[in-house]
Amino acid sequence: MTSIEANYIEKLRNSGLRPTKQRIKICEILFNRSKTFHFSVNDLTKILQNQYNQKISLATVYNTVHAFKKKGYLKEISIGNDMSYFDTNTSSHHHFYDEQTKELIDINSQEVEIKKTPTPPSGKKIEDIEVTIKISKKN
């Protein structure tokens, strides 16, 4: 077993999941990359089927992704209309969302300046601020 595989098994166990071959393949797709990966559960399921010829149920992909999110290995970005993307970069940063290509693009946090924030409701505090800017093709 490689140290990379051991790392995947540790991530799975830390997330309360049994390290099956299917889940290790999901880890490989998510975490064995040099660049940030943005995806929906459906995107990931299609990648598993089309590029890796892996028949993994949507429920397994969904449960694995959500367990990783809960543990902090992935971040969820809500686009609206019940559409969520997940991000392998869990640091605080902003995104462009391209409405035509359905693609999330990272924005350097230094490029967004927030001048004023509202006072949160009583008993609450602001955890983080992440901006998603929707973009489309110029006419």
C-alpha atoms as a PDB file:
ATOM      1  CA  MET A   1       0.000   0.000   0.000  1.00  0.00           C
ATOM      2  CA  THR A   2       1.323   3.430  -0.927  1.00  0.00           C
ATOM      3  CA  SER A   3       1.379   6.348   1.496  1.00  0.00           C
ATOM      4  CA  ILE A   4      -1.183   8.061  -0.756  1.00  0.00           C
ATOM      5  CA  GLU A   5      -3.573   5.089  -0.393  1.00  0.00           C
ATOM      6  CA  ALA A   6      -2.962   5.102   3.373  1.00  0.00           C
ATOM      7  CA  ASN A   7      -3.880   8.802   3.404  1.00  0.00           C
ATOM      8  CA  TYR A   8      -7.160   8.049   1.564  1.00  0.00           C
ATOM      9  CA  ILE A   9      -7.985   5.225   3.983  1.00  0.00           C
ATOM     10  CA  GLU A  10      -7.315   7.580   6.909  1.00  0.00           C
ATOM     11  CA  LYS A  11      -9.570  10.285   5.385  1.00  0.00           C
ATOM     12  CA  LEU A  12     -12.343   7.720   4.859  1.00  0.00           C
ATOM     13  CA  ARG A  13     -12.073   6.310   8.387  1.00  0.00           C
ATOM     14  CA  ASN A  14     -11.906   9.812   9.905  1.00  0.00           C
ATOM     15  CA  SER A  15     -15.129  10.557   8.015  1.00  0.00           C
ATOM     16  CA  GLY A  16     -16.828   7.472   9.466  1.00  0.00           C
ATOM     17  CA  LEU A  17     -16.679   5.524   6.202  1.00  0.00           C
ATOM     18  CA  ARG A  18     -15.429   2.031   5.445  1.00  0.00           C
ATOM     19  CA  PRO A  19     -12.545   2.227   2.942  1.00  0.00           C
ATOM     20  CA  THR A  20     -13.944   0.266  -0.010  1.00  0.00           C
ATOM     21  CA  LYS A  21     -12.335   0.149  -3.469  1.00  0.00           C
ATOM     22  CA  GLN A  22     -15.081   2.460  -4.759  1.00  0.00           C
ATOM     23  CA  ARG A  23     -14.522   5.060  -2.044  1.00  0.00           C
ATOM     24  CA  ILE A  24     -10.733   4.913  -2.520  1.00  0.00           C
ATOM     25  CA  LYS A  25     -11.330   5.647  -6.242  1.00  0.00           C
ATOM     26  CA  ILE A  26     -13.479   8.653  -5.217  1.00  0.00           C
ATOM     27  CA  CYS A  27     -10.577   9.856  -3.014  1.00  0.00           C
ATOM     28  CA  GLU A  28      -8.147   9.428  -5.886  1.00  0.00           C
ATOM     29  CA  ILE A  29     -10.277  11.645  -8.149  1.00  0.00           C
ATOM     30  CA  LEU A  30     -10.827  14.280  -5.454  1.00  0.00           C
ATOM     31  CA  PHE A  31      -7.456  14.517  -3.752  1.00  0.00           C
ATOM     32  CA  ASN A  32      -4.818  13.284  -6.235  1.00  0.00           C
ATOM     33  CA  ARG A  33      -4.516  16.525  -8.201  1.00  0.00           C
ATOM     34  CA  SER A  34      -2.390  19.636  -8.241  1.00  0.00           C
ATOM     35  CA  LYS A  35      -5.219  22.117  -8.894  1.00  0.00           C
ATOM     36  CA  THR A  36      -8.429  22.827  -7.005  1.00  0.00           C
ATOM     37  CA  PHE A  37     -11.342  20.664  -8.138  1.00  0.00           C
ATOM     38  CA  HIS A  38     -14.908  22.021  -8.247  1.00  0.00           C
ATOM     39  CA  PHE A  39     -17.672  19.501  -8.871  1.00  0.00           C
ATOM     40  CA  SER A  40     -21.281  18.534  -8.248  1.00  0.00           C
ATOM     41  CA  VAL A  41     -22.199  15.036  -7.064  1.00  0.00           C
ATOM     42  CA  ASN A  42     -23.581  14.344 -10.570  1.00  0.00           C
ATOM     43  CA  ASP A  43     -20.315  15.571 -12.180  1.00  0.00           C
ATOM     44  CA  LEU A  44     -18.284  13.243  -9.976  1.00  0.00           C
ATOM     45  CA  THR A  45     -20.579  10.291 -10.707  1.00  0.00           C
ATOM     46  CA  LYS A  46     -20.205  10.911 -14.482  1.00  0.00           C
ATOM     47  CA  ILE A  47     -16.401  11.164 -14.181  1.00  0.00           C
ATOM     48  CA  LEU A  48     -16.320   7.843 -12.300  1.00  0.00           C
ATOM     49  CA  GLN A  49     -18.452   6.166 -14.981  1.00  0.00           C
ATOM     50  CA  ASN A  50     -17.044   7.754 -18.147  1.00  0.00           C
ATOM     51  CA  GLN A  51     -13.341   8.269 -17.404  1.00  0.00           C
ATOM     52  CA  TYR A  52     -12.706   5.434 -14.946  1.00  0.00           C
ATOM     53  CA  ASN A  53     -15.402   2.943 -15.968  1.00  0.00           C
ATOM     54  CA  GLN A  54     -16.459   2.665 -12.323  1.00  0.00           C
ATOM     55  CA  LYS A  55     -20.070   1.798 -11.607  1.00  0.00           C
ATOM     56  CA  ILE A  56     -20.611   3.521  -8.280  1.00  0.00           C
ATOM     57  CA  SER A  57     -24.132   4.365  -7.159  1.00  0.00           C
ATOM     58  CA  LEU A  58     -25.160   7.991  -6.864  1.00  0.00           C
ATOM     59  CA  ALA A  59     -25.993   7.289  -3.193  1.00  0.00           C
ATOM     60  CA  THR A  60     -22.409   6.107  -2.472  1.00  0.00           C
ATOM     61  CA  VAL A  61     -20.935   9.177  -4.180  1.00  0.00           C
ATOM     62  CA  TYR A  62     -23.391  11.484  -2.385  1.00  0.00           C
ATOM     63  CA  ASN A  63     -22.789   9.930   1.045  1.00  0.00           C
ATOM     64  CA  THR A  64     -18.994   9.929   0.606  1.00  0.00           C
ATOM     65  CA  VAL A  65     -18.908  13.578  -0.535  1.00  0.00           C
ATOM     66  CA  HIS A  66     -21.175  14.693   2.318  1.00  0.00           C
ATOM     67  CA  ALA A  67     -19.142  12.753   4.902  1.00  0.00           C
ATOM     68  CA  PHE A  68     -15.977  14.477   3.592  1.00  0.00           C
ATOM     69  CA  LYS A  69     -17.731  17.852   3.757  1.00  0.00           C
ATOM     70  CA  LYS A  70     -18.861  17.238   7.342  1.00  0.00           C
ATOM     71  CA  LYS A  71     -15.281  16.320   8.310  1.00  0.00           C
ATOM     72  CA  GLY A  72     -13.849  19.426   6.586  1.00  0.00           C
ATOM     73  CA  TYR A  73     -12.069  17.732   3.658  1.00  0.00           C
ATOM     74  CA  LEU A  74     -14.406  19.432   1.155  1.00  0.00           C
ATOM     75  CA  LYS A  75     -16.287  22.705   1.105  1.00  0.00           C
ATOM     76  CA  GLU A  76     -19.813  23.127  -0.270  1.00  0.00           C
ATOM     77  CA  ILE A  77     -20.673  26.162  -2.382  1.00  0.00           C
ATOM     78  CA  SER A  78     -24.395  26.780  -2.912  1.00  0.00           C
ATOM     79  CA  ILE A  79     -25.210  28.365  -6.245  1.00  0.00           C
ATOM     80  CA  GLY A  80     -28.946  28.613  -5.658  1.00  0.00           C
ATOM     81  CA  ASN A  81     -31.825  26.664  -7.191  1.00  0.00           C
ATOM     82  CA  ASP A  82     -30.795  23.707  -4.989  1.00  0.00           C
ATOM     83  CA  MET A  83     -27.486  23.505  -6.895  1.00  0.00           C
ATOM     84  CA  SER A  84     -24.374  22.788  -4.879  1.00  0.00           C
ATOM     85  CA  TYR A  85     -20.783  22.424  -5.890  1.00  0.00           C
ATOM     86  CA  PHE A  86     -18.002  21.032  -3.776  1.00  0.00           C
ATOM     87  CA  ASP A  87     -14.461  22.339  -3.613  1.00  0.00           C
ATOM     88  CA  THR A  88     -11.278  20.504  -2.669  1.00  0.00           C
ATOM     89  CA  ASN A  89      -9.783  23.860  -1.601  1.00  0.00           C
ATOM     90  CA  THR A  90     -11.245  24.310   1.883  1.00  0.00           C
ATOM     91  CA  SER A  91      -9.538  27.643   2.601  1.00  0.00           C
ATOM     92  CA  SER A  92     -11.628  30.818   2.579  1.00  0.00           C
ATOM     93  CA  HIS A  93     -11.799  32.156  -0.981  1.00  0.00           C
ATOM     94  CA  HIS A  94     -14.246  33.530  -3.530  1.00  0.00           C
ATOM     95  CA  HIS A  95     -15.609  32.272  -6.873  1.00  0.00           C
ATOM     96  CA  PHE A  96     -16.941  33.285 -10.230  1.00  0.00           C
ATOM     97  CA  TYR A  97     -19.812  31.059 -11.357  1.00  0.00           C
ATOM     98  CA  ASP A  98     -20.197  30.842 -15.134  1.00  0.00           C
ATOM     99  CA  GLU A  99     -23.887  30.369 -15.824  1.00  0.00           C
ATOM    100  CA  GLN A 100     -23.301  29.008 -19.368  1.00  0.00           C
ATOM    101  CA  THR A 101     -20.598  26.441 -18.625  1.00  0.00           C
ATOM    102  CA  LYS A 102     -21.807  25.727 -15.037  1.00  0.00           C
ATOM    103  CA  GLU A 103     -18.188  26.185 -13.934  1.00  0.00           C
ATOM    104  CA  LEU A 104     -16.787  27.596 -10.695  1.00  0.00           C
ATOM    105  CA  ILE A 105     -13.569  29.603 -11.009  1.00  0.00           C
ATOM    106  CA  ASP A 106     -11.474  30.614  -8.000  1.00  0.00           C
ATOM    107  CA  ILE A 107     -10.952  34.309  -7.238  1.00  0.00           C
ATOM    108  CA  ASN A 108      -7.964  35.377  -5.198  1.00  0.00           C
ATOM    109  CA  SER A 109      -9.289  36.704  -1.857  1.00  0.00           C
ATOM    110  CA  GLN A 110      -7.129  39.835  -2.212  1.00  0.00           C
ATOM    111  CA  GLU A 111      -9.136  40.779  -5.329  1.00  0.00           C
ATOM    112  CA  VAL A 112     -12.382  41.177  -3.369  1.00  0.00           C
ATOM    113  CA  GLU A 113     -12.739  43.981  -0.863  1.00  0.00           C
ATOM    114  CA  ILE A 114     -15.682  44.037   1.524  1.00  0.00           C
ATOM    115  CA  LYS A 115     -16.197  47.496   2.995  1.00  0.00           C
ATOM    116  CA  LYS A 116     -19.068  46.833   5.385  1.00  0.00           C
ATOM    117  CA  THR A 117     -20.853  43.810   6.827  1.00  0.00           C
ATOM    118  CA  PRO A 118     -24.223  43.720   8.564  1.00  0.00           C
ATOM    119  CA  THR A 119     -24.499  43.056  12.285  1.00  0.00           C
ATOM    120  CA  PRO A 120     -25.455  39.398  12.707  1.00  0.00           C
ATOM    121  CA  PRO A 121     -28.647  38.478  14.588  1.00  0.00           C
ATOM    122  CA  SER A 122     -28.480  38.351  18.381  1.00  0.00           C
ATOM    123  CA  GLY A 123     -26.436  35.430  19.664  1.00  0.00           C
ATOM    124  CA  LYS A 124     -24.781  34.854  16.270  1.00  0.00           C
ATOM    125  CA  LYS A 125     -21.366  35.703  14.866  1.00  0.00           C
ATOM    126  CA  ILE A 126     -20.046  35.913  11.320  1.00  0.00           C
ATOM    127  CA  GLU A 127     -18.057  32.732  10.657  1.00  0.00           C
ATOM    128  CA  ASP A 128     -16.741  33.573   7.211  1.00  0.00           C
ATOM    129  CA  ILE A 129     -17.601  35.609   4.133  1.00  0.00           C
ATOM    130  CA  GLU A 130     -17.336  34.018   0.726  1.00  0.00           C
ATOM    131  CA  VAL A 131     -18.501  35.810  -2.393  1.00  0.00           C
ATOM    132  CA  THR A 132     -19.828  34.035  -5.485  1.00  0.00           C
ATOM    133  CA  ILE A 133     -20.103  36.291  -8.531  1.00  0.00           C
ATOM    134  CA  LYS A 134     -22.326  34.965 -11.324  1.00  0.00           C
ATOM    135  CA  ILE A 135     -20.959  35.669 -14.799  1.00  0.00           C
ATOM    136  CA  SER A 136     -22.178  35.087 -18.351  1.00  0.00           C
ATOM    137  CA  LYS A 137     -20.948  35.689 -21.882  1.00  0.00           C
ATOM    138  CA  LYS A 138     -20.962  39.291 -23.134  1.00  0.00           C
ATOM    139  CA  ASN A 139     -23.547  39.915 -25.835  1.00  0.00           C
END
